[in-house]
Amino acid sequence: MTDDSWVPDACTLPTTERPLRLAEFDGLFRDALRGVDRPAARHLRLHLDGDAEPVARDLIARESACCSFLTFDLARPDGDVLTLDVRVPAARVAVLDALARRATAARGR
């Protein structure tokens, strides 16, 4: 998936860098995603392999810097699995919807 038309203007990542960032998320999802839950419209929970923690931490730190409307919380409820909670304000639910679709699509490969 390379369409980034869902990325809002509030994202300060330069347009030329967006496909690379999307590819990083796709790689994380493809390599480490174990499951996807949607506890609420404004809340996405991703279950990741525990080994992906350094990659996930780096990626969410950089994403937080350019998309301040996204809130990330990375936790390790047990030794093998990480949970990455992503939350957005009501006005940005479409962004979370698109991220959920990317995760689901990458997991299906």
PDB file of N, CA and C in Angstrom:
ATOM      1  N   MET A   1       0.845  -1.177   0.000  1.00  0.00           N
ATOM      2  CA  MET A   1       0.000   0.000   0.000  1.00  0.00           C
ATOM      3  C   MET A   1       0.888   1.237   0.000  1.00  0.00           C
ATOM      4  N   THR A   2       0.662   2.116  -0.927  1.00  0.00           N
ATOM      5  CA  THR A   2       1.472   3.324  -0.958  1.00  0.00           C
ATOM      6  C   THR A   2       0.644   4.598  -0.920  1.00  0.00           C
ATOM      7  N   ASP A   3      -0.671   4.506  -0.944  1.00  0.00           N
ATOM      8  CA  ASP A   3      -1.523   5.683  -0.921  1.00  0.00           C
ATOM      9  C   ASP A   3      -1.459   6.352   0.448  1.00  0.00           C
ATOM     10  N   ASP A   4      -0.981   7.590   0.465  1.00  0.00           N
ATOM     11  CA  ASP A   4      -0.926   8.322   1.730  1.00  0.00           C
ATOM     12  C   ASP A   4      -1.900   9.492   1.726  1.00  0.00           C
ATOM     13  N   SER A   5      -2.944   9.413   0.899  1.00  0.00           N
ATOM     14  CA  SER A   5      -3.905  10.503   0.802  1.00  0.00           C
ATOM     15  C   SER A   5      -4.680  10.716   2.101  1.00  0.00           C
ATOM     16  N   TRP A   6      -4.689   9.726   2.971  1.00  0.00           N
ATOM     17  CA  TRP A   6      -5.385   9.826   4.259  1.00  0.00           C
ATOM     18  C   TRP A   6      -4.560  10.568   5.307  1.00  0.00           C
ATOM     19  N   VAL A   7      -3.298  10.841   5.012  1.00  0.00           N
ATOM     20  CA  VAL A   7      -2.439  11.544   5.969  1.00  0.00           C
ATOM     21  C   VAL A   7      -2.887  13.004   6.039  1.00  0.00           C
ATOM     22  N   PRO A   8      -3.253  13.489   7.211  1.00  0.00           N
ATOM     23  CA  PRO A   8      -3.787  14.852   7.327  1.00  0.00           C
ATOM     24  C   PRO A   8      -2.711  15.924   7.183  1.00  0.00           C
ATOM     25  N   ASP A   9      -3.165  17.127   6.884  1.00  0.00           N
ATOM     26  CA  ASP A   9      -2.252  18.264   6.770  1.00  0.00           C
ATOM     27  C   ASP A   9      -1.529  18.545   8.079  1.00  0.00           C
ATOM     28  N   ALA A  10      -2.083  18.120   9.198  1.00  0.00           N
ATOM     29  CA  ALA A  10      -1.456  18.342  10.502  1.00  0.00           C
ATOM     30  C   ALA A  10      -0.141  17.580  10.649  1.00  0.00           C
ATOM     31  N   CYS A  11       0.086  16.597   9.792  1.00  0.00           N
ATOM     32  CA  CYS A  11       1.345  15.852   9.818  1.00  0.00           C
ATOM     33  C   CYS A  11       2.444  16.749   9.255  1.00  0.00           C
ATOM     34  N   THR A  12       3.516  16.908  10.018  1.00  0.00           N
ATOM     35  CA  THR A  12       4.604  17.787   9.582  1.00  0.00           C
ATOM     36  C   THR A  12       5.737  17.049   8.886  1.00  0.00           C
ATOM     37  N   LEU A  13       5.589  15.740   8.706  1.00  0.00           N
ATOM     38  CA  LEU A  13       6.602  14.986   7.977  1.00  0.00           C
ATOM     39  C   LEU A  13       6.591  15.447   6.523  1.00  0.00           C
ATOM     40  N   PRO A  14       7.751  15.787   5.964  1.00  0.00           N
ATOM     41  CA  PRO A  14       7.763  16.220   4.561  1.00  0.00           C
ATOM     42  C   PRO A  14       7.124  15.172   3.647  1.00  0.00           C
ATOM     43  N   THR A  15       6.374  15.649   2.683  1.00  0.00           N
ATOM     44  CA  THR A  15       5.637  14.771   1.779  1.00  0.00           C
ATOM     45  C   THR A  15       6.538  13.728   1.132  1.00  0.00           C
ATOM     46  N   THR A  16       7.762  14.097   0.792  1.00  0.00           N
ATOM     47  CA  THR A  16       8.669  13.151   0.138  1.00  0.00           C
ATOM     48  C   THR A  16       9.103  12.018   1.054  1.00  0.00           C
ATOM     49  N   GLU A  17       9.021  12.228   2.366  1.00  0.00           N
ATOM     50  CA  GLU A  17       9.420  11.191   3.327  1.00  0.00           C
ATOM     51  C   GLU A  17       8.272  10.279   3.746  1.00  0.00           C
ATOM     52  N   ARG A  18       7.049  10.647   3.418  1.00  0.00           N
ATOM     53  CA  ARG A  18       5.893   9.872   3.860  1.00  0.00           C
ATOM     54  C   ARG A  18       5.878   8.434   3.333  1.00  0.00           C
ATOM     55  N   PRO A  19       6.181   8.196   2.062  1.00  0.00           N
ATOM     56  CA  PRO A  19       6.198   6.795   1.605  1.00  0.00           C
ATOM     57  C   PRO A  19       7.212   5.936   2.367  1.00  0.00           C
ATOM     58  N   LEU A  20       8.331   6.519   2.738  1.00  0.00           N
ATOM     59  CA  LEU A  20       9.330   5.766   3.502  1.00  0.00           C
ATOM     60  C   LEU A  20       8.807   5.426   4.899  1.00  0.00           C
ATOM     61  N   ARG A  21       8.133   6.370   5.549  1.00  0.00           N
ATOM     62  CA  ARG A  21       7.577   6.127   6.872  1.00  0.00           C
ATOM     63  C   ARG A  21       6.484   5.063   6.800  1.00  0.00           C
ATOM     64  N   LEU A  22       5.635   5.160   5.782  1.00  0.00           N
ATOM     65  CA  LEU A  22       4.589   4.151   5.614  1.00  0.00           C
ATOM     66  C   LEU A  22       5.202   2.771   5.406  1.00  0.00           C
ATOM     67  N   ALA A  23       6.289   2.717   4.656  1.00  0.00           N
ATOM     68  CA  ALA A  23       6.974   1.437   4.443  1.00  0.00           C
ATOM     69  C   ALA A  23       7.540   0.892   5.754  1.00  0.00           C
ATOM     70  N   GLU A  24       8.003   1.782   6.626  1.00  0.00           N
ATOM     71  CA  GLU A  24       8.489   1.338   7.938  1.00  0.00           C
ATOM     72  C   GLU A  24       7.359   0.730   8.766  1.00  0.00           C
ATOM     73  N   PHE A  25       6.204   1.383   8.769  1.00  0.00           N
ATOM     74  CA  PHE A  25       5.062   0.816   9.481  1.00  0.00           C
ATOM     75  C   PHE A  25       4.657  -0.523   8.861  1.00  0.00           C
ATOM     76  N   ASP A  26       4.609  -0.573   7.541  1.00  0.00           N
ATOM     77  CA  ASP A  26       4.259  -1.827   6.877  1.00  0.00           C
ATOM     78  C   ASP A  26       5.241  -2.935   7.249  1.00  0.00           C
ATOM     79  N   GLY A  27       6.525  -2.611   7.319  1.00  0.00           N
ATOM     80  CA  GLY A  27       7.531  -3.599   7.699  1.00  0.00           C
ATOM     81  C   GLY A  27       7.341  -4.079   9.131  1.00  0.00           C
ATOM     82  N   LEU A  28       7.061  -3.151  10.046  1.00  0.00           N
ATOM     83  CA  LEU A  28       6.798  -3.529  11.438  1.00  0.00           C
ATOM     84  C   LEU A  28       5.581  -4.444  11.507  1.00  0.00           C
ATOM     85  N   PHE A  29       4.529  -4.067  10.798  1.00  0.00           N
ATOM     86  CA  PHE A  29       3.317  -4.885  10.810  1.00  0.00           C
ATOM     87  C   PHE A  29       3.583  -6.258  10.199  1.00  0.00           C
ATOM     88  N   ARG A  30       4.264  -6.279   9.082  1.00  0.00           N
ATOM     89  CA  ARG A  30       4.541  -7.544   8.386  1.00  0.00           C
ATOM     90  C   ARG A  30       5.407  -8.472   9.235  1.00  0.00           C
ATOM     91  N   ASP A  31       6.424  -7.910   9.872  1.00  0.00           N
ATOM     92  CA  ASP A  31       7.410  -8.724  10.591  1.00  0.00           C
ATOM     93  C   ASP A  31       7.029  -9.054  12.036  1.00  0.00           C
ATOM     94  N   ALA A  32       6.228  -8.203  12.677  1.00  0.00           N
ATOM     95  CA  ALA A  32       6.043  -8.368  14.118  1.00  0.00           C
ATOM     96  C   ALA A  32       4.592  -8.405  14.598  1.00  0.00           C
ATOM     97  N   LEU A  33       3.646  -8.084  13.743  1.00  0.00           N
ATOM     98  CA  LEU A  33       2.266  -7.997  14.196  1.00  0.00           C
ATOM     99  C   LEU A  33       1.669  -9.377  14.471  1.00  0.00           C
ATOM    100  N   ARG A  34       1.107  -9.522  15.655  1.00  0.00           N
ATOM    101  CA  ARG A  34       0.438 -10.769  16.046  1.00  0.00           C
ATOM    102  C   ARG A  34      -1.077 -10.627  16.059  1.00  0.00           C
ATOM    103  N   GLY A  35      -1.558  -9.419  16.245  1.00  0.00           N
ATOM    104  CA  GLY A  35      -3.007  -9.222  16.293  1.00  0.00           C
ATOM    105  C   GLY A  35      -3.376  -7.756  16.312  1.00  0.00           C
ATOM    106  N   VAL A  36      -4.629  -7.485  15.976  1.00  0.00           N
ATOM    107  CA  VAL A  36      -5.162  -6.131  15.927  1.00  0.00           C
ATOM    108  C   VAL A  36      -6.506  -6.134  16.644  1.00  0.00           C
ATOM    109  N   ASP A  37      -6.683  -5.198  17.564  1.00  0.00           N
ATOM    110  CA  ASP A  37      -7.962  -5.009  18.248  1.00  0.00           C
ATOM    111  C   ASP A  37      -8.371  -3.554  18.094  1.00  0.00           C
ATOM    112  N   ARG A  38      -9.657  -3.310  18.124  1.00  0.00           N
ATOM    113  CA  ARG A  38     -10.178  -1.943  18.070  1.00  0.00           C
ATOM    114  C   ARG A  38     -11.125  -1.754  19.257  1.00  0.00           C
ATOM    115  N   PRO A  39     -10.574  -1.466  20.449  1.00  0.00           N
ATOM    116  CA  PRO A  39     -11.415  -1.319  21.648  1.00  0.00           C
ATOM    117  C   PRO A  39     -12.438  -0.193  21.546  1.00  0.00           C
ATOM    118  N   ALA A  40     -12.135   0.828  20.752  1.00  0.00           N
ATOM    119  CA  ALA A  40     -13.039   1.966  20.574  1.00  0.00           C
ATOM    120  C   ALA A  40     -12.695   2.651  19.262  1.00  0.00           C
ATOM    121  N   ALA A  41     -13.577   3.489  18.783  1.00  0.00           N
ATOM    122  CA  ALA A  41     -13.353   4.171  17.503  1.00  0.00           C
ATOM    123  C   ALA A  41     -12.057   4.972  17.496  1.00  0.00           C
ATOM    124  N   ARG A  42     -11.696   5.527  18.640  1.00  0.00           N
ATOM    125  CA  ARG A  42     -10.502   6.371  18.735  1.00  0.00           C
ATOM    126  C   ARG A  42      -9.307   5.634  19.314  1.00  0.00           C
ATOM    127  N   HIS A  43      -9.385   4.296  19.391  1.00  0.00           N
ATOM    128  CA  HIS A  43      -8.346   3.508  20.050  1.00  0.00           C
ATOM    129  C   HIS A  43      -8.078   2.235  19.239  1.00  0.00           C
ATOM    130  N   LEU A  44      -6.824   2.075  18.836  1.00  0.00           N
ATOM    131  CA  LEU A  44      -6.364   0.890  18.124  1.00  0.00           C
ATOM    132  C   LEU A  44      -5.308   0.210  18.989  1.00  0.00           C
ATOM    133  N   ARG A  45      -5.422  -1.105  19.144  1.00  0.00           N
ATOM    134  CA  ARG A  45      -4.422  -1.844  19.911  1.00  0.00           C
ATOM    135  C   ARG A  45      -3.773  -2.876  18.982  1.00  0.00           C
ATOM    136  N   LEU A  46      -2.455  -2.776  18.897  1.00  0.00           N
ATOM    137  CA  LEU A  46      -1.666  -3.694  18.089  1.00  0.00           C
ATOM    138  C   LEU A  46      -0.861  -4.594  19.015  1.00  0.00           C
ATOM    139  N   HIS A  47      -0.868  -5.877  18.748  1.00  0.00           N
ATOM    140  CA  HIS A  47      -0.089  -6.849  19.514  1.00  0.00           C
ATOM    141  C   HIS A  47       1.126  -7.209  18.662  1.00  0.00           C
ATOM    142  N   LEU A  48       2.314  -6.989  19.216  1.00  0.00           N
ATOM    143  CA  LEU A  48       3.563  -7.165  18.478  1.00  0.00           C
ATOM    144  C   LEU A  48       4.461  -8.181  19.164  1.00  0.00           C
ATOM    145  N   ASP A  49       5.319  -8.815  18.374  1.00  0.00           N
ATOM    146  CA  ASP A  49       6.356  -9.673  18.948  1.00  0.00           C
ATOM    147  C   ASP A  49       7.227  -8.835  19.876  1.00  0.00           C
ATOM    148  N   GLY A  50       7.601  -9.401  21.016  1.00  0.00           N
ATOM    149  CA  GLY A  50       8.431  -8.695  21.982  1.00  0.00           C
ATOM    150  C   GLY A  50       9.773  -8.270  21.429  1.00  0.00           C
ATOM    151  N   ASP A  51      10.303  -9.039  20.487  1.00  0.00           N
ATOM    152  CA  ASP A  51      11.596  -8.701  19.891  1.00  0.00           C
ATOM    153  C   ASP A  51      11.569  -7.410  19.078  1.00  0.00           C
ATOM    154  N   ALA A  52      10.379  -6.944  18.729  1.00  0.00           N
ATOM    155  CA  ALA A  52      10.248  -5.742  17.899  1.00  0.00           C
ATOM    156  C   ALA A  52      10.298  -4.453  18.714  1.00  0.00           C
ATOM    157  N   GLU A  53      10.524  -4.548  20.012  1.00  0.00           N
ATOM    158  CA  GLU A  53      10.456  -3.354  20.856  1.00  0.00           C
ATOM    159  C   GLU A  53      11.387  -2.221  20.401  1.00  0.00           C
ATOM    160  N   PRO A  54      12.670  -2.472  20.116  1.00  0.00           N
ATOM    161  CA  PRO A  54      13.519  -1.344  19.703  1.00  0.00           C
ATOM    162  C   PRO A  54      13.021  -0.665  18.423  1.00  0.00           C
ATOM    163  N   VAL A  55      12.588  -1.457  17.468  1.00  0.00           N
ATOM    164  CA  VAL A  55      12.080  -0.897  16.206  1.00  0.00           C
ATOM    165  C   VAL A  55      10.805  -0.110  16.462  1.00  0.00           C
ATOM    166  N   ALA A  56       9.897  -0.675  17.242  1.00  0.00           N
ATOM    167  CA  ALA A  56       8.630  -0.002  17.539  1.00  0.00           C
ATOM    168  C   ALA A  56       8.868   1.303  18.298  1.00  0.00           C
ATOM    169  N   ARG A  57       9.744   1.283  19.282  1.00  0.00           N
ATOM    170  CA  ARG A  57      10.016   2.505  20.063  1.00  0.00           C
ATOM    171  C   ARG A  57      10.599   3.607  19.176  1.00  0.00           C
ATOM    172  N   ASP A  58      11.524   3.245  18.331  1.00  0.00           N
ATOM    173  CA  ASP A  58      12.127   4.233  17.435  1.00  0.00           C
ATOM    174  C   ASP A  58      11.080   4.814  16.482  1.00  0.00           C
ATOM    175  N   LEU A  59      10.278   3.948  15.900  1.00  0.00           N
ATOM    176  CA  LEU A  59       9.280   4.390  14.930  1.00  0.00           C
ATOM    177  C   LEU A  59       8.223   5.283  15.579  1.00  0.00           C
ATOM    178  N   ILE A  60       7.720   4.900  16.743  1.00  0.00           N
ATOM    179  CA  ILE A  60       6.682   5.735  17.357  1.00  0.00           C
ATOM    180  C   ILE A  60       7.250   7.054  17.891  1.00  0.00           C
ATOM    181  N   ALA A  61       8.513   7.069  18.272  1.00  0.00           N
ATOM    182  CA  ALA A  61       9.122   8.332  18.697  1.00  0.00           C
ATOM    183  C   ALA A  61       9.190   9.306  17.521  1.00  0.00           C
ATOM    184  N   ARG A  62       9.592   8.806  16.379  1.00  0.00           N
ATOM    185  CA  ARG A  62       9.674   9.674  15.196  1.00  0.00           C
ATOM    186  C   ARG A  62       8.292  10.076  14.704  1.00  0.00           C
ATOM    187  N   GLU A  63       7.328   9.158  14.784  1.00  0.00           N
ATOM    188  CA  GLU A  63       5.966   9.484  14.346  1.00  0.00           C
ATOM    189  C   GLU A  63       5.321  10.496  15.285  1.00  0.00           C
ATOM    190  N   SER A  64       5.591  10.398  16.570  1.00  0.00           N
ATOM    191  CA  SER A  64       5.056  11.362  17.532  1.00  0.00           C
ATOM    192  C   SER A  64       5.571  12.767  17.251  1.00  0.00           C
ATOM    193  N   ALA A  65       6.779  12.861  16.735  1.00  0.00           N
ATOM    194  CA  ALA A  65       7.381  14.164  16.449  1.00  0.00           C
ATOM    195  C   ALA A  65       6.696  14.878  15.286  1.00  0.00           C
ATOM    196  N   CYS A  66       6.135  14.128  14.350  1.00  0.00           N
ATOM    197  CA  CYS A  66       5.533  14.773  13.178  1.00  0.00           C
ATOM    198  C   CYS A  66       4.007  14.772  13.212  1.00  0.00           C
ATOM    199  N   CYS A  67       3.428  13.874  13.964  1.00  0.00           N
ATOM    200  CA  CYS A  67       1.965  13.777  14.055  1.00  0.00           C
ATOM    201  C   CYS A  67       1.562  13.830  15.523  1.00  0.00           C
ATOM    202  N   SER A  68       1.563  15.030  16.060  1.00  0.00           N
ATOM    203  CA  SER A  68       1.333  15.203  17.495  1.00  0.00           C
ATOM    204  C   SER A  68      -0.080  14.813  17.919  1.00  0.00           C
ATOM    205  N   PHE A  69      -0.986  14.636  16.988  1.00  0.00           N
ATOM    206  CA  PHE A  69      -2.349  14.241  17.339  1.00  0.00           C
ATOM    207  C   PHE A  69      -2.447  12.745  17.652  1.00  0.00           C
ATOM    208  N   LEU A  70      -1.417  11.977  17.331  1.00  0.00           N
ATOM    209  CA  LEU A  70      -1.385  10.553  17.657  1.00  0.00           C
ATOM    210  C   LEU A  70      -0.779  10.373  19.044  1.00  0.00           C
ATOM    211  N   THR A  71      -1.401   9.523  19.847  1.00  0.00           N
ATOM    212  CA  THR A  71      -0.867   9.181  21.159  1.00  0.00           C
ATOM    213  C   THR A  71      -0.526   7.706  21.148  1.00  0.00           C
ATOM    214  N   PHE A  72       0.715   7.381  21.487  1.00  0.00           N
ATOM    215  CA  PHE A  72       1.190   6.004  21.497  1.00  0.00           C
ATOM    216  C   PHE A  72       1.528   5.584  22.925  1.00  0.00           C
ATOM    217  N   ASP A  73       1.201   4.340  23.231  1.00  0.00           N
ATOM    218  CA  ASP A  73       1.578   3.766  24.517  1.00  0.00           C
ATOM    219  C   ASP A  73       2.045   2.340  24.244  1.00  0.00           C
ATOM    220  N   LEU A  74       3.316   2.087  24.498  1.00  0.00           N
ATOM    221  CA  LEU A  74       3.896   0.768  24.266  1.00  0.00           C
ATOM    222  C   LEU A  74       4.112   0.093  25.611  1.00  0.00           C
ATOM    223  N   ALA A  75       3.573  -1.105  25.766  1.00  0.00           N
ATOM    224  CA  ALA A  75       3.693  -1.835  27.031  1.00  0.00           C
ATOM    225  C   ALA A  75       4.043  -3.288  26.745  1.00  0.00           C
ATOM    226  N   ARG A  76       4.604  -3.930  27.758  1.00  0.00           N
ATOM    227  CA  ARG A  76       4.953  -5.343  27.650  1.00  0.00           C
ATOM    228  C   ARG A  76       4.203  -6.089  28.763  1.00  0.00           C
ATOM    229  N   PRO A  77       2.977  -6.547  28.472  1.00  0.00           N
ATOM    230  CA  PRO A  77       2.202  -7.239  29.507  1.00  0.00           C
ATOM    231  C   PRO A  77       2.783  -8.597  29.880  1.00  0.00           C
ATOM    232  N   ASP A  78       3.514  -9.198  28.951  1.00  0.00           N
ATOM    233  CA  ASP A  78       4.264 -10.414  29.283  1.00  0.00           C
ATOM    234  C   ASP A  78       5.532 -10.414  28.441  1.00  0.00           C
ATOM    235  N   GLY A  79       6.399 -11.359  28.651  1.00  0.00           N
ATOM    236  CA  GLY A  79       7.706 -11.349  28.010  1.00  0.00           C
ATOM    237  C   GLY A  79       7.726 -11.495  26.505  1.00  0.00           C
ATOM    238  N   ASP A  80       6.691 -12.091  25.948  1.00  0.00           N
ATOM    239  CA  ASP A  80       6.714 -12.390  24.520  1.00  0.00           C
ATOM    240  C   ASP A  80       5.955 -11.406  23.649  1.00  0.00           C
ATOM    241  N   VAL A  81       5.086 -10.618  24.238  1.00  0.00           N
ATOM    242  CA  VAL A  81       4.195  -9.765  23.452  1.00  0.00           C
ATOM    243  C   VAL A  81       4.256  -8.324  23.944  1.00  0.00           C
ATOM    244  N   LEU A  82       4.259  -7.401  22.987  1.00  0.00           N
ATOM    245  CA  LEU A  82       4.115  -5.976  23.267  1.00  0.00           C
ATOM    246  C   LEU A  82       2.708  -5.566  22.875  1.00  0.00           C
ATOM    247  N   THR A  83       2.171  -4.592  23.562  1.00  0.00           N
ATOM    248  CA  THR A  83       0.940  -3.975  23.079  1.00  0.00           C
ATOM    249  C   THR A  83       1.266  -2.524  22.751  1.00  0.00           C
ATOM    250  N   LEU A  84       0.837  -2.130  21.592  1.00  0.00           N
ATOM    251  CA  LEU A  84       0.988  -0.751  21.144  1.00  0.00           C
ATOM    252  C   LEU A  84      -0.408  -0.173  21.014  1.00  0.00           C
ATOM    253  N   ASP A  85      -0.752   0.718  21.942  1.00  0.00           N
ATOM    254  CA  ASP A  85      -2.038   1.400  21.895  1.00  0.00           C
ATOM    255  C   ASP A  85      -1.848   2.716  21.168  1.00  0.00           C
ATOM    256  N   VAL A  86      -2.709   2.950  20.190  1.00  0.00           N
ATOM    257  CA  VAL A  86      -2.675   4.190  19.417  1.00  0.00           C
ATOM    258  C   VAL A  86      -4.036   4.857  19.594  1.00  0.00           C
ATOM    259  N   ARG A  87      -4.008   6.107  20.012  1.00  0.00           N
ATOM    260  CA  ARG A  87      -5.252   6.854  20.222  1.00  0.00           C
ATOM    261  C   ARG A  87      -5.196   8.162  19.442  1.00  0.00           C
ATOM    262  N   VAL A  88      -6.381   8.619  19.040  1.00  0.00           N
ATOM    263  CA  VAL A  88      -6.503   9.868  18.292  1.00  0.00           C
ATOM    264  C   VAL A  88      -7.698  10.653  18.816  1.00  0.00           C
ATOM    265  N   PRO A  89      -7.707  11.965  18.602  1.00  0.00           N
ATOM    266  CA  PRO A  89      -8.909  12.738  18.916  1.00  0.00           C
ATOM    267  C   PRO A  89     -10.010  12.399  17.897  1.00  0.00           C
ATOM    268  N   ALA A  90     -11.229  12.735  18.214  1.00  0.00           N
ATOM    269  CA  ALA A  90     -12.368  12.399  17.362  1.00  0.00           C
ATOM    270  C   ALA A  90     -12.192  12.888  15.925  1.00  0.00           C
ATOM    271  N   ALA A  91     -11.572  14.026  15.752  1.00  0.00           N
ATOM    272  CA  ALA A  91     -11.397  14.588  14.413  1.00  0.00           C
ATOM    273  C   ALA A  91     -10.414  13.801  13.551  1.00  0.00           C
ATOM    274  N   ARG A  92      -9.675  12.865  14.152  1.00  0.00           N
ATOM    275  CA  ARG A  92      -8.644  12.116  13.417  1.00  0.00           C
ATOM    276  C   ARG A  92      -8.934  10.613  13.333  1.00  0.00           C
ATOM    277  N   VAL A  93     -10.176  10.217  13.532  1.00  0.00           N
ATOM    278  CA  VAL A  93     -10.523   8.796  13.480  1.00  0.00           C
ATOM    279  C   VAL A  93     -10.198   8.199  12.114  1.00  0.00           C
ATOM    280  N   ALA A  94     -10.338   8.963  11.047  1.00  0.00           N
ATOM    281  CA  ALA A  94     -10.024   8.453   9.703  1.00  0.00           C
ATOM    282  C   ALA A  94      -8.562   8.026   9.595  1.00  0.00           C
ATOM    283  N   VAL A  95      -7.682   8.723  10.282  1.00  0.00           N
ATOM    284  CA  VAL A  95      -6.263   8.352  10.284  1.00  0.00           C
ATOM    285  C   VAL A  95      -6.089   7.004  10.983  1.00  0.00           C
ATOM    286  N   LEU A  96      -6.757   6.823  12.095  1.00  0.00           N
ATOM    287  CA  LEU A  96      -6.675   5.555  12.819  1.00  0.00           C
ATOM    288  C   LEU A  96      -7.294   4.421  12.002  1.00  0.00           C
ATOM    289  N   ASP A  97      -8.382   4.709  11.306  1.00  0.00           N
ATOM    290  CA  ASP A  97      -9.000   3.711  10.423  1.00  0.00           C
ATOM    291  C   ASP A  97      -8.002   3.248   9.365  1.00  0.00           C
ATOM    292  N   ALA A  98      -7.300   4.203   8.764  1.00  0.00           N
ATOM    293  CA  ALA A  98      -6.325   3.864   7.724  1.00  0.00           C
ATOM    294  C   ALA A  98      -5.163   3.063   8.296  1.00  0.00           C
ATOM    295  N   LEU A  99      -4.699   3.425   9.485  1.00  0.00           N
ATOM    296  CA  LEU A  99      -3.619   2.679  10.114  1.00  0.00           C
ATOM    297  C   LEU A  99      -4.075   1.248  10.415  1.00  0.00           C
ATOM    298  N   ALA A 100      -5.297   1.087  10.882  1.00  0.00           N
ATOM    299  CA  ALA A 100      -5.839  -0.249  11.154  1.00  0.00           C
ATOM    300  C   ALA A 100      -5.921  -1.067   9.865  1.00  0.00           C
ATOM    301  N   ARG A 101      -6.343  -0.443   8.768  1.00  0.00           N
ATOM    302  CA  ARG A 101      -6.394  -1.163   7.482  1.00  0.00           C
ATOM    303  C   ARG A 101      -5.010  -1.596   7.036  1.00  0.00           C
ATOM    304  N   ARG A 102      -4.013  -0.735   7.217  1.00  0.00           N
ATOM    305  CA  ARG A 102      -2.640  -1.081   6.832  1.00  0.00           C
ATOM    306  C   ARG A 102      -2.152  -2.262   7.654  1.00  0.00           C
ATOM    307  N   ALA A 103      -2.404  -2.216   8.956  1.00  0.00           N
ATOM    308  CA  ALA A 103      -1.963  -3.298   9.829  1.00  0.00           C
ATOM    309  C   ALA A 103      -2.621  -4.615   9.430  1.00  0.00           C
ATOM    310  N   THR A 104      -3.921  -4.590   9.218  1.00  0.00           N
ATOM    311  CA  THR A 104      -4.655  -5.791   8.847  1.00  0.00           C
ATOM    312  C   THR A 104      -4.174  -6.336   7.505  1.00  0.00           C
ATOM    313  N   ALA A 105      -3.934  -5.444   6.553  1.00  0.00           N
ATOM    314  CA  ALA A 105      -3.458  -5.869   5.238  1.00  0.00           C
ATOM    315  C   ALA A 105      -2.064  -6.478   5.320  1.00  0.00           C
ATOM    316  N   ALA A 106      -1.192  -5.856   6.085  1.00  0.00           N
ATOM    317  CA  ALA A 106       0.182  -6.362   6.213  1.00  0.00           C
ATOM    318  C   ALA A 106       0.192  -7.710   6.916  1.00  0.00           C
ATOM    319  N   ARG A 107      -0.675  -7.864   7.888  1.00  0.00           N
ATOM    320  CA  ARG A 107      -0.737  -9.128   8.632  1.00  0.00           C
ATOM    321  C   ARG A 107      -1.230 -10.254   7.740  1.00  0.00           C
ATOM    322  N   GLY A 108      -2.069  -9.921   6.767  1.00  0.00           N
ATOM    323  CA  GLY A 108      -2.628 -10.931   5.883  1.00  0.00           C
ATOM    324  C   GLY A 108      -1.669 -11.445   4.828  1.00  0.00           C
ATOM    325  N   ARG A 109      -0.513 -10.837   4.708  1.00  0.00           N
ATOM    326  CA  ARG A 109       0.454 -11.253   3.677  1.00  0.00           C
ATOM    327  C   ARG A 109       1.180 -12.497   4.076  1.00  0.00           C
TER     328      ARG A 109
END
